[in-house]
Amino acid sequence: TMSRGGLSIETLGAAQRADFGGDGTHAPEDLANSRGFVLWGKNVAVTHLHWAAFISEARKRGAPLLVIDPVRTATAKQADRFYQLRPGTDGILALGVGRRLLERQAADDAFLAQHTAGFEAYRRLAFARSLDDVAQATDLSVAQIEEIADCYATTPPVATLIGLGPSYWTHGGATVRLIDALAA
């Protein structure tokens, strides 16, 4: 039995409180300012329809919509790019994307120095697997991992919206934190 909490948003919320001190979700109207979107296991066409107008506004100005999900959802069908990864491998993919951003020197070193803790441990973790290993584990190609990294590197600010799916797996909180790390 559970003494408190549940199996829904608690893991995601706890991870984001650890990373950001609170909920890391954008205010819906702020989404219109995004130059790119990466949705990890989040089907906004069904679960957050009230966000659609703001995302659509940004997309009209050229903001790409990338969807990462094991399931081809309604949102995935509307995306510019859909990445159908193996269920439960979101964290591995986030590390692969992080590795590629670090290799490209696309990280904001000043921000990392001033606002993060444990970055060197993250760097070691990101470099622990080759991109080929990440591709094999996630059922994506290295080129697809590169495309996701390109979005983060070339279209800031990128709105990273995380659904509940990535947090449901074993080590779900860690998975959310690995995705959160891409924002830095």
N, C-alpha and C. Protein backbone atom coordinates (compact mmCIF):
# COMPACT_ATOMS: atom_id res chain seq x y z
N THR A 1 0.84 -1.18 0.00
CA THR A 1 0.00 0.00 0.00
C THR A 1 0.87 1.24 0.00
N MET A 2 0.29 2.33 -0.46
CA MET A 2 1.01 3.60 -0.52
C MET A 2 0.56 4.49 0.63
N SER A 3 1.51 5.06 1.32
CA SER A 3 1.15 5.94 2.43
C SER A 3 0.89 7.37 1.95
N ARG A 4 1.48 7.76 0.82
CA ARG A 4 1.23 9.08 0.25
C ARG A 4 1.73 9.08 -1.18
N GLY A 5 1.30 10.06 -1.94
CA GLY A 5 1.72 10.16 -3.33
C GLY A 5 0.94 9.21 -4.21
N GLY A 6 1.40 9.04 -5.41
CA GLY A 6 0.72 8.19 -6.36
C GLY A 6 1.64 7.77 -7.47
N LEU A 7 1.05 7.28 -8.53
CA LEU A 7 1.83 6.77 -9.64
C LEU A 7 1.72 7.66 -10.87
N SER A 8 1.24 8.86 -10.72
CA SER A 8 1.01 9.71 -11.87
C SER A 8 2.13 10.73 -12.01
N ILE A 9 1.89 11.94 -11.60
CA ILE A 9 2.81 13.03 -11.86
C ILE A 9 3.87 13.21 -10.77
N GLU A 10 3.79 12.44 -9.70
CA GLU A 10 4.68 12.65 -8.56
C GLU A 10 6.16 12.50 -8.91
N THR A 11 6.50 11.50 -9.69
CA THR A 11 7.91 11.29 -10.05
C THR A 11 8.42 12.45 -10.88
N LEU A 12 7.64 12.85 -11.87
CA LEU A 12 8.02 13.97 -12.73
C LEU A 12 8.19 15.24 -11.89
N GLY A 13 7.23 15.52 -11.02
CA GLY A 13 7.30 16.71 -10.18
C GLY A 13 8.49 16.71 -9.25
N ALA A 14 8.78 15.57 -8.64
CA ALA A 14 9.92 15.47 -7.72
C ALA A 14 11.23 15.71 -8.46
N ALA A 15 11.36 15.15 -9.66
CA ALA A 15 12.59 15.35 -10.44
C ALA A 15 12.76 16.82 -10.80
N GLN A 16 11.68 17.47 -11.21
CA GLN A 16 11.81 18.87 -11.60
C GLN A 16 12.02 19.79 -10.39
N ARG A 17 11.48 19.43 -9.25
CA ARG A 17 11.78 20.21 -8.04
C ARG A 17 13.26 20.09 -7.71
N ALA A 18 13.84 18.89 -7.88
CA ALA A 18 15.27 18.71 -7.61
C ALA A 18 16.11 19.52 -8.60
N ASP A 19 15.66 19.61 -9.85
CA ASP A 19 16.44 20.31 -10.87
C ASP A 19 16.24 21.82 -10.86
N PHE A 20 14.99 22.25 -10.69
CA PHE A 20 14.65 23.66 -10.87
C PHE A 20 14.12 24.34 -9.62
N GLY A 21 13.92 23.57 -8.56
CA GLY A 21 13.35 24.14 -7.35
C GLY A 21 11.84 24.21 -7.39
N GLY A 22 11.24 23.76 -8.47
CA GLY A 22 9.79 23.77 -8.63
C GLY A 22 9.42 23.16 -9.95
N ASP A 23 8.17 23.27 -10.31
CA ASP A 23 7.67 22.74 -11.58
C ASP A 23 8.38 23.46 -12.72
N GLY A 24 8.94 22.71 -13.64
CA GLY A 24 9.67 23.30 -14.77
C GLY A 24 8.82 23.53 -15.99
N THR A 25 7.50 23.48 -15.85
CA THR A 25 6.62 23.63 -17.00
C THR A 25 6.48 25.10 -17.38
N HIS A 26 6.50 25.36 -18.67
CA HIS A 26 6.31 26.71 -19.18
C HIS A 26 4.88 27.17 -18.92
N ALA A 27 4.71 28.47 -18.73
CA ALA A 27 3.36 29.04 -18.77
C ALA A 27 2.87 28.88 -20.20
N PRO A 28 1.63 28.48 -20.41
CA PRO A 28 1.17 28.21 -21.78
C PRO A 28 1.44 29.35 -22.76
N GLU A 29 1.20 30.60 -22.35
CA GLU A 29 1.40 31.72 -23.26
C GLU A 29 2.87 31.93 -23.62
N ASP A 30 3.80 31.47 -22.77
CA ASP A 30 5.22 31.59 -23.05
C ASP A 30 5.65 30.66 -24.18
N LEU A 31 4.88 29.62 -24.44
CA LEU A 31 5.22 28.70 -25.52
C LEU A 31 5.28 29.41 -26.87
N ALA A 32 4.52 30.47 -27.03
CA ALA A 32 4.51 31.22 -28.29
C ALA A 32 5.88 31.85 -28.58
N ASN A 33 6.72 32.01 -27.55
CA ASN A 33 8.05 32.60 -27.72
C ASN A 33 9.12 31.57 -28.08
N SER A 34 8.77 30.32 -28.08
CA SER A 34 9.75 29.27 -28.36
C SER A 34 10.12 29.26 -29.84
N ARG A 35 11.37 28.93 -30.11
CA ARG A 35 11.83 28.80 -31.50
C ARG A 35 11.89 27.35 -31.92
N GLY A 36 11.62 26.43 -30.98
CA GLY A 36 11.59 25.01 -31.27
C GLY A 36 10.92 24.28 -30.12
N PHE A 37 10.41 23.09 -30.41
CA PHE A 37 9.73 22.27 -29.41
C PHE A 37 10.25 20.84 -29.48
N VAL A 38 10.56 20.29 -28.31
CA VAL A 38 10.87 18.87 -28.20
C VAL A 38 9.93 18.31 -27.15
N LEU A 39 9.04 17.43 -27.58
CA LEU A 39 8.06 16.82 -26.70
C LEU A 39 8.46 15.38 -26.43
N TRP A 40 8.71 15.07 -25.18
CA TRP A 40 9.13 13.74 -24.76
C TRP A 40 7.94 13.04 -24.11
N GLY A 41 7.31 12.14 -24.84
CA GLY A 41 6.21 11.37 -24.27
C GLY A 41 5.04 12.23 -23.85
N LYS A 42 4.80 13.32 -24.57
CA LYS A 42 3.71 14.24 -24.21
C LYS A 42 2.83 14.44 -25.44
N ASN A 43 1.57 14.10 -25.31
CA ASN A 43 0.60 14.18 -26.40
C ASN A 43 -0.28 15.41 -26.20
N VAL A 44 0.25 16.60 -26.49
CA VAL A 44 -0.47 17.84 -26.20
C VAL A 44 -1.76 17.97 -27.01
N ALA A 45 -1.86 17.30 -28.15
CA ALA A 45 -3.08 17.37 -28.96
C ALA A 45 -4.27 16.76 -28.23
N VAL A 46 -3.99 15.94 -27.22
CA VAL A 46 -5.06 15.31 -26.44
C VAL A 46 -5.05 15.79 -24.99
N THR A 47 -3.88 15.87 -24.38
CA THR A 47 -3.81 16.14 -22.94
C THR A 47 -3.69 17.61 -22.58
N HIS A 48 -3.24 18.45 -23.49
CA HIS A 48 -3.05 19.88 -23.22
C HIS A 48 -3.51 20.70 -24.41
N LEU A 49 -4.71 20.48 -24.83
CA LEU A 49 -5.24 21.16 -26.00
C LEU A 49 -5.19 22.68 -25.86
N HIS A 50 -5.27 23.19 -24.63
CA HIS A 50 -5.22 24.63 -24.42
C HIS A 50 -3.85 25.22 -24.75
N TRP A 51 -2.83 24.39 -24.91
CA TRP A 51 -1.51 24.87 -25.31
C TRP A 51 -1.38 24.98 -26.83
N ALA A 52 -2.25 24.32 -27.56
CA ALA A 52 -2.12 24.18 -29.01
C ALA A 52 -2.03 25.52 -29.74
N ALA A 53 -2.81 26.49 -29.34
CA ALA A 53 -2.79 27.79 -30.03
C ALA A 53 -1.42 28.46 -29.89
N PHE A 54 -0.81 28.35 -28.72
CA PHE A 54 0.49 28.99 -28.49
C PHE A 54 1.59 28.26 -29.27
N ILE A 55 1.53 26.95 -29.30
CA ILE A 55 2.50 26.17 -30.08
C ILE A 55 2.31 26.46 -31.56
N SER A 56 1.08 26.52 -32.00
CA SER A 56 0.77 26.82 -33.41
C SER A 56 1.29 28.19 -33.81
N GLU A 57 1.16 29.16 -32.92
CA GLU A 57 1.66 30.51 -33.19
C GLU A 57 3.16 30.49 -33.44
N ALA A 58 3.90 29.78 -32.61
CA ALA A 58 5.36 29.67 -32.79
C ALA A 58 5.70 28.89 -34.06
N ARG A 59 4.94 27.84 -34.34
CA ARG A 59 5.20 27.04 -35.54
C ARG A 59 4.98 27.85 -36.80
N LYS A 60 4.03 28.77 -36.79
CA LYS A 60 3.79 29.63 -37.96
C LYS A 60 5.01 30.49 -38.26
N ARG A 61 5.82 30.76 -37.23
CA ARG A 61 7.06 31.53 -37.40
C ARG A 61 8.24 30.61 -37.66
N GLY A 62 7.98 29.32 -37.88
CA GLY A 62 9.05 28.41 -38.27
C GLY A 62 9.59 27.52 -37.16
N ALA A 63 9.03 27.55 -35.97
CA ALA A 63 9.52 26.71 -34.88
C ALA A 63 9.21 25.24 -35.18
N PRO A 64 10.23 24.39 -35.24
CA PRO A 64 9.97 22.98 -35.50
C PRO A 64 9.39 22.28 -34.27
N LEU A 65 8.60 21.25 -34.53
CA LEU A 65 8.01 20.42 -33.48
C LEU A 65 8.56 19.01 -33.63
N LEU A 66 9.36 18.58 -32.64
CA LEU A 66 9.91 17.23 -32.61
C LEU A 66 9.20 16.47 -31.50
N VAL A 67 8.76 15.26 -31.80
CA VAL A 67 8.07 14.43 -30.83
C VAL A 67 8.85 13.15 -30.65
N ILE A 68 9.16 12.83 -29.39
CA ILE A 68 9.88 11.61 -29.02
C ILE A 68 8.91 10.78 -28.19
N ASP A 69 8.55 9.61 -28.70
CA ASP A 69 7.52 8.81 -28.03
C ASP A 69 7.55 7.41 -28.63
N PRO A 70 7.31 6.38 -27.84
CA PRO A 70 7.20 5.04 -28.41
C PRO A 70 5.93 4.86 -29.25
N VAL A 71 4.94 5.74 -29.04
CA VAL A 71 3.64 5.62 -29.68
C VAL A 71 3.42 6.77 -30.67
N ARG A 72 2.92 6.46 -31.85
CA ARG A 72 2.60 7.51 -32.82
C ARG A 72 1.27 8.15 -32.40
N THR A 73 1.36 9.17 -31.58
CA THR A 73 0.20 9.84 -31.00
C THR A 73 -0.37 10.86 -31.99
N ALA A 74 -1.47 11.48 -31.61
CA ALA A 74 -2.05 12.56 -32.42
C ALA A 74 -1.05 13.69 -32.59
N THR A 75 -0.30 14.01 -31.54
CA THR A 75 0.72 15.05 -31.64
C THR A 75 1.85 14.62 -32.57
N ALA A 76 2.25 13.37 -32.49
CA ALA A 76 3.31 12.86 -33.37
C ALA A 76 2.91 12.99 -34.84
N LYS A 77 1.65 12.79 -35.12
CA LYS A 77 1.17 12.89 -36.50
C LYS A 77 1.23 14.33 -37.03
N GLN A 78 1.24 15.31 -36.13
CA GLN A 78 1.31 16.72 -36.51
C GLN A 78 2.75 17.25 -36.51
N ALA A 79 3.68 16.46 -36.01
CA ALA A 79 5.06 16.92 -35.81
C ALA A 79 5.83 17.04 -37.12
N ASP A 80 6.85 17.88 -37.08
CA ASP A 80 7.79 17.96 -38.20
C ASP A 80 8.65 16.71 -38.25
N ARG A 81 9.01 16.21 -37.06
CA ARG A 81 9.81 14.98 -36.97
C ARG A 81 9.28 14.17 -35.80
N PHE A 82 9.15 12.86 -36.02
CA PHE A 82 8.70 11.93 -34.99
C PHE A 82 9.79 10.89 -34.79
N TYR A 83 10.18 10.68 -33.54
CA TYR A 83 11.22 9.72 -33.18
C TYR A 83 10.58 8.64 -32.32
N GLN A 84 10.39 7.48 -32.90
CA GLN A 84 9.72 6.38 -32.19
C GLN A 84 10.79 5.51 -31.52
N LEU A 85 11.11 5.89 -30.29
CA LEU A 85 12.16 5.19 -29.57
C LEU A 85 11.61 3.95 -28.87
N ARG A 86 12.51 3.08 -28.50
CA ARG A 86 12.14 1.89 -27.72
C ARG A 86 11.63 2.34 -26.36
N PRO A 87 10.50 1.77 -25.91
CA PRO A 87 9.94 2.17 -24.62
C PRO A 87 10.97 2.06 -23.49
N GLY A 88 11.01 3.08 -22.64
CA GLY A 88 11.89 3.07 -21.47
C GLY A 88 13.31 3.51 -21.73
N THR A 89 13.62 4.01 -22.94
CA THR A 89 15.00 4.40 -23.25
C THR A 89 15.17 5.92 -23.38
N ASP A 90 14.21 6.68 -22.88
CA ASP A 90 14.28 8.15 -22.97
C ASP A 90 15.54 8.70 -22.32
N GLY A 91 15.91 8.16 -21.17
CA GLY A 91 17.11 8.66 -20.48
C GLY A 91 18.38 8.40 -21.27
N ILE A 92 18.47 7.24 -21.88
CA ILE A 92 19.64 6.92 -22.71
C ILE A 92 19.69 7.89 -23.89
N LEU A 93 18.54 8.13 -24.50
CA LEU A 93 18.50 9.09 -25.62
C LEU A 93 18.92 10.48 -25.16
N ALA A 94 18.42 10.92 -24.01
CA ALA A 94 18.78 12.25 -23.50
C ALA A 94 20.30 12.34 -23.30
N LEU A 95 20.91 11.28 -22.80
CA LEU A 95 22.36 11.28 -22.64
C LEU A 95 23.07 11.36 -23.99
N GLY A 96 22.55 10.64 -24.98
CA GLY A 96 23.14 10.70 -26.32
C GLY A 96 23.04 12.09 -26.93
N VAL A 97 21.89 12.73 -26.77
CA VAL A 97 21.72 14.10 -27.26
C VAL A 97 22.67 15.03 -26.49
N GLY A 98 22.74 14.85 -25.18
CA GLY A 98 23.67 15.65 -24.37
C GLY A 98 25.10 15.46 -24.80
N ARG A 99 25.49 14.22 -25.06
CA ARG A 99 26.85 13.94 -25.52
C ARG A 99 27.14 14.70 -26.81
N ARG A 100 26.20 14.64 -27.75
CA ARG A 100 26.41 15.30 -29.03
C ARG A 100 26.49 16.82 -28.87
N LEU A 101 25.69 17.38 -27.99
CA LEU A 101 25.78 18.82 -27.73
C LEU A 101 27.14 19.19 -27.14
N LEU A 102 27.64 18.36 -26.23
CA LEU A 102 28.96 18.62 -25.64
C LEU A 102 30.05 18.47 -26.68
N GLU A 103 29.96 17.47 -27.55
CA GLU A 103 30.95 17.30 -28.61
C GLU A 103 30.97 18.50 -29.55
N ARG A 104 29.83 19.07 -29.78
CA ARG A 104 29.71 20.23 -30.68
C ARG A 104 30.02 21.54 -29.96
N GLN A 105 30.32 21.45 -28.68
CA GLN A 105 30.56 22.63 -27.85
C GLN A 105 29.36 23.58 -27.91
N ALA A 106 28.17 22.99 -27.84
CA ALA A 106 26.92 23.76 -27.91
C ALA A 106 26.33 24.03 -26.53
N ALA A 107 27.09 23.75 -25.48
CA ALA A 107 26.61 24.02 -24.13
C ALA A 107 26.95 25.46 -23.75
N ASP A 108 26.14 26.04 -22.90
CA ASP A 108 26.36 27.40 -22.40
C ASP A 108 27.25 27.30 -21.16
N ASP A 109 28.57 27.38 -21.38
CA ASP A 109 29.53 27.17 -20.30
C ASP A 109 29.35 28.16 -19.15
N ALA A 110 29.05 29.41 -19.46
CA ALA A 110 28.87 30.41 -18.41
C ALA A 110 27.66 30.06 -17.55
N PHE A 111 26.56 29.65 -18.18
CA PHE A 111 25.37 29.26 -17.44
C PHE A 111 25.67 28.04 -16.57
N LEU A 112 26.35 27.05 -17.15
CA LEU A 112 26.67 25.82 -16.42
C LEU A 112 27.52 26.13 -15.19
N ALA A 113 28.51 27.00 -15.34
CA ALA A 113 29.39 27.34 -14.22
C ALA A 113 28.64 28.07 -13.11
N GLN A 114 27.70 28.92 -13.49
CA GLN A 114 27.01 29.76 -12.51
C GLN A 114 25.78 29.08 -11.89
N HIS A 115 25.11 28.20 -12.64
CA HIS A 115 23.80 27.74 -12.20
C HIS A 115 23.65 26.23 -12.03
N THR A 116 24.71 25.46 -12.16
CA THR A 116 24.56 24.01 -12.04
C THR A 116 25.54 23.44 -11.03
N ALA A 117 25.20 22.25 -10.58
CA ALA A 117 26.09 21.49 -9.69
C ALA A 117 26.23 20.09 -10.27
N GLY A 118 27.42 19.53 -10.21
CA GLY A 118 27.63 18.16 -10.66
C GLY A 118 27.79 18.01 -12.16
N PHE A 119 28.16 19.08 -12.85
CA PHE A 119 28.23 19.01 -14.31
C PHE A 119 29.29 18.03 -14.79
N GLU A 120 30.42 17.95 -14.13
CA GLU A 120 31.47 17.02 -14.59
C GLU A 120 31.00 15.57 -14.49
N ALA A 121 30.23 15.25 -13.46
CA ALA A 121 29.66 13.89 -13.35
C ALA A 121 28.69 13.64 -14.51
N TYR A 122 27.90 14.65 -14.86
CA TYR A 122 26.99 14.52 -16.00
C TYR A 122 27.79 14.29 -17.28
N ARG A 123 28.85 15.07 -17.48
CA ARG A 123 29.69 14.92 -18.68
C ARG A 123 30.23 13.49 -18.77
N ARG A 124 30.72 12.95 -17.67
CA ARG A 124 31.24 11.58 -17.68
C ARG A 124 30.14 10.59 -18.06
N LEU A 125 28.96 10.79 -17.50
CA LEU A 125 27.83 9.91 -17.82
C LEU A 125 27.45 10.01 -19.29
N ALA A 126 27.42 11.23 -19.84
CA ALA A 126 27.07 11.42 -21.25
C ALA A 126 28.07 10.75 -22.18
N PHE A 127 29.33 10.71 -21.78
CA PHE A 127 30.37 10.12 -22.63
C PHE A 127 30.59 8.63 -22.34
N ALA A 128 29.82 8.06 -21.44
CA ALA A 128 29.99 6.65 -21.09
C ALA A 128 29.54 5.71 -22.20
N ARG A 129 28.66 6.16 -23.08
CA ARG A 129 28.17 5.36 -24.21
C ARG A 129 28.47 6.09 -25.51
N SER A 130 28.82 5.32 -26.53
CA SER A 130 29.00 5.92 -27.85
C SER A 130 27.62 6.21 -28.45
N LEU A 131 27.59 7.08 -29.43
CA LEU A 131 26.33 7.37 -30.11
C LEU A 131 25.78 6.13 -30.81
N ASP A 132 26.67 5.27 -31.29
CA ASP A 132 26.22 4.00 -31.89
C ASP A 132 25.51 3.14 -30.85
N ASP A 133 26.05 3.09 -29.63
CA ASP A 133 25.40 2.33 -28.55
C ASP A 133 24.05 2.93 -28.19
N VAL A 134 23.98 4.27 -28.14
CA VAL A 134 22.71 4.94 -27.84
C VAL A 134 21.69 4.63 -28.94
N ALA A 135 22.12 4.71 -30.18
CA ALA A 135 21.22 4.42 -31.30
C ALA A 135 20.69 2.98 -31.21
N GLN A 136 21.57 2.04 -30.94
CA GLN A 136 21.14 0.65 -30.85
C GLN A 136 20.17 0.44 -29.69
N ALA A 137 20.44 1.06 -28.55
CA ALA A 137 19.59 0.88 -27.37
C ALA A 137 18.20 1.50 -27.56
N THR A 138 18.12 2.59 -28.31
CA THR A 138 16.86 3.33 -28.44
C THR A 138 16.06 2.99 -29.70
N ASP A 139 16.65 2.23 -30.61
CA ASP A 139 16.05 1.92 -31.92
C ASP A 139 15.97 3.14 -32.83
N LEU A 140 16.80 4.14 -32.57
CA LEU A 140 16.91 5.30 -33.44
C LEU A 140 18.25 5.24 -34.16
N SER A 141 18.43 6.06 -35.15
CA SER A 141 19.72 6.13 -35.84
C SER A 141 20.57 7.25 -35.24
N VAL A 142 21.86 7.19 -35.50
CA VAL A 142 22.75 8.28 -35.07
C VAL A 142 22.29 9.58 -35.73
N ALA A 143 21.86 9.52 -36.97
CA ALA A 143 21.38 10.72 -37.66
C ALA A 143 20.17 11.32 -36.94
N GLN A 144 19.29 10.49 -36.43
CA GLN A 144 18.13 11.00 -35.69
C GLN A 144 18.56 11.67 -34.38
N ILE A 145 19.52 11.08 -33.70
CA ILE A 145 20.06 11.69 -32.48
C ILE A 145 20.67 13.05 -32.81
N GLU A 146 21.38 13.12 -33.92
CA GLU A 146 21.96 14.38 -34.39
C GLU A 146 20.87 15.42 -34.65
N GLU A 147 19.75 15.01 -35.25
CA GLU A 147 18.66 15.95 -35.54
C GLU A 147 18.10 16.56 -34.26
N ILE A 148 17.94 15.74 -33.25
CA ILE A 148 17.43 16.25 -31.97
C ILE A 148 18.44 17.24 -31.37
N ALA A 149 19.72 16.87 -31.39
CA ALA A 149 20.76 17.77 -30.89
C ALA A 149 20.78 19.07 -31.69
N ASP A 150 20.59 18.98 -33.01
CA ASP A 150 20.55 20.18 -33.85
C ASP A 150 19.46 21.14 -33.41
N CYS A 151 18.30 20.60 -33.06
CA CYS A 151 17.21 21.46 -32.61
C CYS A 151 17.62 22.24 -31.36
N TYR A 152 18.22 21.54 -30.39
CA TYR A 152 18.67 22.23 -29.18
C TYR A 152 19.77 23.24 -29.47
N ALA A 153 20.68 22.89 -30.38
CA ALA A 153 21.85 23.74 -30.62
C ALA A 153 21.53 24.96 -31.48
N THR A 154 20.57 24.84 -32.39
CA THR A 154 20.40 25.89 -33.39
C THR A 154 19.11 26.69 -33.27
N THR A 155 18.18 26.29 -32.40
CA THR A 155 16.90 27.01 -32.34
C THR A 155 16.51 27.44 -30.93
N PRO A 156 17.46 27.88 -30.09
CA PRO A 156 17.03 28.31 -28.76
C PRO A 156 16.20 29.58 -28.83
N PRO A 157 15.27 29.77 -27.94
CA PRO A 157 14.92 28.86 -26.84
C PRO A 157 14.01 27.72 -27.32
N VAL A 158 14.35 26.52 -26.86
CA VAL A 158 13.58 25.32 -27.16
C VAL A 158 12.72 24.98 -25.95
N ALA A 159 11.43 24.81 -26.17
CA ALA A 159 10.54 24.37 -25.11
C ALA A 159 10.62 22.84 -25.07
N THR A 160 11.09 22.32 -23.95
CA THR A 160 11.15 20.88 -23.74
C THR A 160 9.99 20.51 -22.84
N LEU A 161 9.05 19.76 -23.38
CA LEU A 161 7.85 19.40 -22.64
C LEU A 161 7.88 17.89 -22.40
N ILE A 162 7.86 17.52 -21.12
CA ILE A 162 7.99 16.11 -20.75
C ILE A 162 6.65 15.60 -20.26
N GLY A 163 6.20 14.51 -20.86
CA GLY A 163 4.97 13.86 -20.42
C GLY A 163 5.23 12.89 -19.29
N LEU A 164 4.21 12.19 -18.91
CA LEU A 164 4.32 11.25 -17.80
C LEU A 164 5.03 9.96 -18.19
N GLY A 165 4.97 9.59 -19.46
CA GLY A 165 5.54 8.31 -19.90
C GLY A 165 6.98 8.08 -19.47
N PRO A 166 7.89 9.02 -19.71
CA PRO A 166 9.28 8.77 -19.32
C PRO A 166 9.47 8.54 -17.83
N SER A 167 8.59 9.09 -17.00
CA SER A 167 8.76 8.94 -15.56
C SER A 167 8.17 7.64 -15.02
N TYR A 168 7.41 6.91 -15.82
CA TYR A 168 6.77 5.68 -15.36
C TYR A 168 7.72 4.49 -15.29
N TRP A 169 8.83 4.55 -15.97
CA TRP A 169 9.75 3.42 -16.02
C TRP A 169 10.64 3.39 -14.79
N THR A 170 11.33 2.28 -14.59
CA THR A 170 12.33 2.20 -13.53
C THR A 170 13.31 3.36 -13.71
N HIS A 171 13.64 4.02 -12.66
CA HIS A 171 14.53 5.19 -12.67
C HIS A 171 13.90 6.36 -13.41
N GLY A 172 12.55 6.45 -13.35
CA GLY A 172 11.83 7.51 -14.05
C GLY A 172 12.25 8.90 -13.63
N GLY A 173 12.49 9.11 -12.35
CA GLY A 173 12.94 10.42 -11.89
C GLY A 173 14.29 10.79 -12.49
N ALA A 174 15.19 9.83 -12.56
CA ALA A 174 16.50 10.07 -13.18
C ALA A 174 16.34 10.38 -14.66
N THR A 175 15.41 9.69 -15.32
CA THR A 175 15.16 9.94 -16.73
C THR A 175 14.71 11.37 -16.95
N VAL A 176 13.76 11.83 -16.14
CA VAL A 176 13.29 13.22 -16.27
C VAL A 176 14.44 14.18 -16.04
N ARG A 177 15.29 13.90 -15.08
CA ARG A 177 16.41 14.79 -14.81
C ARG A 177 17.40 14.83 -15.96
N LEU A 178 17.58 13.69 -16.65
CA LEU A 178 18.48 13.68 -17.82
C LEU A 178 17.90 14.51 -18.97
N ILE A 179 16.59 14.47 -19.12
CA ILE A 179 15.95 15.31 -20.15
C ILE A 179 16.03 16.77 -19.71
N ASP A 180 15.77 17.05 -18.44
CA ASP A 180 15.88 18.41 -17.93
C ASP A 180 17.28 19.00 -18.19
N ALA A 181 18.30 18.17 -18.08
CA ALA A 181 19.68 18.65 -18.24
C ALA A 181 19.91 19.25 -19.63
N LEU A 182 19.16 18.82 -20.61
CA LEU A 182 19.35 19.36 -21.97
C LEU A 182 19.03 20.84 -22.04
N ALA A 183 18.18 21.32 -21.15
CA ALA A 183 17.87 22.75 -21.14
C ALA A 183 19.11 23.59 -20.84
N ALA A 184 20.01 23.08 -20.03
CA ALA A 184 21.24 23.82 -19.71
C ALA A 184 22.19 23.82 -20.89
